[in-house]
C-alpha atoms as a PDB file:
ATOM      1  CA  MET A   1      88.995  90.813  99.261  1.00  0.00           C
ATOM      2  CA  LYS A   2      87.988  93.802 101.325  1.00  0.00           C
ATOM      3  CA  ILE A   3      87.720  93.867 105.096  1.00  0.00           C
ATOM      4  CA  THR A   4      84.396  95.265 106.271  1.00  0.00           C
ATOM      5  CA  GLU A   5      83.692  97.044 109.555  1.00  0.00           C
ATOM      6  CA  THR A   6      81.997  93.829 110.744  1.00  0.00           C
ATOM      7  CA  GLU A   7      85.197  91.853 110.135  1.00  0.00           C
ATOM      8  CA  LEU A   8      87.518  94.549 111.478  1.00  0.00           C
ATOM      9  CA  ASP A   9      88.136  93.078 114.942  1.00  0.00           C
ATOM     10  CA  ALA A  10      88.873  89.602 113.585  1.00  0.00           C
ATOM     11  CA  ALA A  11      91.132  90.978 110.845  1.00  0.00           C
ATOM     12  CA  ARG A  12      93.006  93.206 113.270  1.00  0.00           C
ATOM     13  CA  HIS A  13      93.505  90.302 115.672  1.00  0.00           C
ATOM     14  CA  TYR A  14      94.780  87.975 112.916  1.00  0.00           C
ATOM     15  CA  LEU A  15      97.153  90.568 111.475  1.00  0.00           C
ATOM     16  CA  GLN A  16      98.479  91.576 114.889  1.00  0.00           C
ATOM     17  CA  GLN A  17      99.097  87.921 115.730  1.00  0.00           C
ATOM     18  CA  GLN A  18     101.017  87.399 112.479  1.00  0.00           C
ATOM     19  CA  LEU A  19     103.140  90.495 113.068  1.00  0.00           C
ATOM     20  CA  GLU A  20     103.990  89.404 116.628  1.00  0.00           C
ATOM     21  CA  THR A  21     104.664  85.764 115.755  1.00  0.00           C
ATOM     22  CA  HIS A  22     106.758  86.165 112.589  1.00  0.00           C
ATOM     23  CA  SER A  23     109.606  88.686 112.557  1.00  0.00           C
ATOM     24  CA  TRP A  24     109.776  88.416 108.759  1.00  0.00           C
ATOM     25  CA  TRP A  25     106.049  89.067 108.181  1.00  0.00           C
ATOM     26  CA  PRO A  26     105.185  90.694 105.861  1.00  0.00           C
ATOM     27  CA  LYS A  27     108.079  89.857 103.557  1.00  0.00           C
ATOM     28  CA  GLU A  28     108.875  93.396 102.424  1.00  0.00           C
ATOM     29  CA  GLN A  29     110.141  95.874 105.021  1.00  0.00           C
ATOM     30  CA  PRO A  30     108.496  94.258 108.066  1.00  0.00           C
ATOM     31  CA  GLY A  31     109.593  97.040 110.431  1.00  0.00           C
ATOM     32  CA  GLU A  32     107.959  99.751 108.364  1.00  0.00           C
ATOM     33  CA  ALA A  33     104.881  97.559 107.831  1.00  0.00           C
ATOM     34  CA  ARG A  34     104.492  97.084 111.595  1.00  0.00           C
ATOM     35  CA  HIS A  35     104.778 100.810 112.210  1.00  0.00           C
ATOM     36  CA  GLU A  36     102.166 101.611 109.565  1.00  0.00           C
ATOM     37  CA  PHE A  37      99.886  98.889 110.945  1.00  0.00           C
ATOM     38  CA  THR A  38      99.729 100.649 114.310  1.00  0.00           C
ATOM     39  CA  LEU A  39      98.728 103.843 112.502  1.00  0.00           C
ATOM     40  CA  MET A  40      96.228 102.283 110.094  1.00  0.00           C
ATOM     41  CA  LYS A  41      94.406  99.605 112.103  1.00  0.00           C
ATOM     42  CA  ALA A  42      91.696 101.912 113.451  1.00  0.00           C
ATOM     43  CA  ASN A  43      89.108 101.345 110.717  1.00  0.00           C
ATOM     44  CA  ALA A  44      88.361  99.041 107.802  1.00  0.00           C
ATOM     45  CA  ILE A  45      89.154 101.623 105.112  1.00  0.00           C
ATOM     46  CA  SER A  46      92.675 102.317 106.308  1.00  0.00           C
ATOM     47  CA  LEU A  47      93.320  98.647 107.171  1.00  0.00           C
ATOM     48  CA  ASN A  48      92.364  97.655 103.623  1.00  0.00           C
ATOM     49  CA  ILE A  49      94.857 100.194 102.293  1.00  0.00           C
ATOM     50  CA  TRP A  50      97.516  98.705 104.572  1.00  0.00           C
ATOM     51  CA  CYS A  51      96.723  95.162 103.402  1.00  0.00           C
ATOM     52  CA  GLU A  52      96.843  96.130  99.734  1.00  0.00           C
ATOM     53  CA  LYS A  53     100.225  97.757 100.261  1.00  0.00           C
ATOM     54  CA  TRP A  54     101.907  95.115 102.425  1.00  0.00           C
ATOM     55  CA  LEU A  55     100.332  91.684 101.877  1.00  0.00           C
ATOM     56  CA  ASP A  56     100.967  89.379  98.960  1.00  0.00           C
ATOM     57  CA  SER A  57      98.372  86.933  97.651  1.00  0.00           C
ATOM     58  CA  GLY A  58      99.615  84.104  99.893  1.00  0.00           C
ATOM     59  CA  GLN A  59      99.277  86.241 102.992  1.00  0.00           C
ATOM     60  CA  TRP A  60      95.752  87.258 101.949  1.00  0.00           C
ATOM     61  CA  ARG A  61      94.873  83.572 101.454  1.00  0.00           C
ATOM     62  CA  GLY A  62      96.085  82.873 104.984  1.00  0.00           C
ATOM     63  CA  TYR A  63      93.677  85.477 106.301  1.00  0.00           C
ATOM     64  CA  LEU A  64      90.780  84.214 104.188  1.00  0.00           C
ATOM     65  CA  GLN A  65      91.276  80.661 105.454  1.00  0.00           C
ATOM     66  CA  ARG A  66      90.812  81.965 108.996  1.00  0.00           C
ATOM     67  CA  LEU A  67      87.332  83.399 108.241  1.00  0.00           C
END
């Protein structure tokens, strides 16, 4: 799954909501993941890189179900 520029706002909103709601999200190093998210959320290319690095398949499925 790749986020496109058309989906960027919705993806950013969903990911931001997950980060704010769940202190443990994503599972690995959530503090570092949050910091990188603020740096990489500006465009679809960098957000895709962030997602590939930080999200597991279950977290991706959660996003896809929201589409």
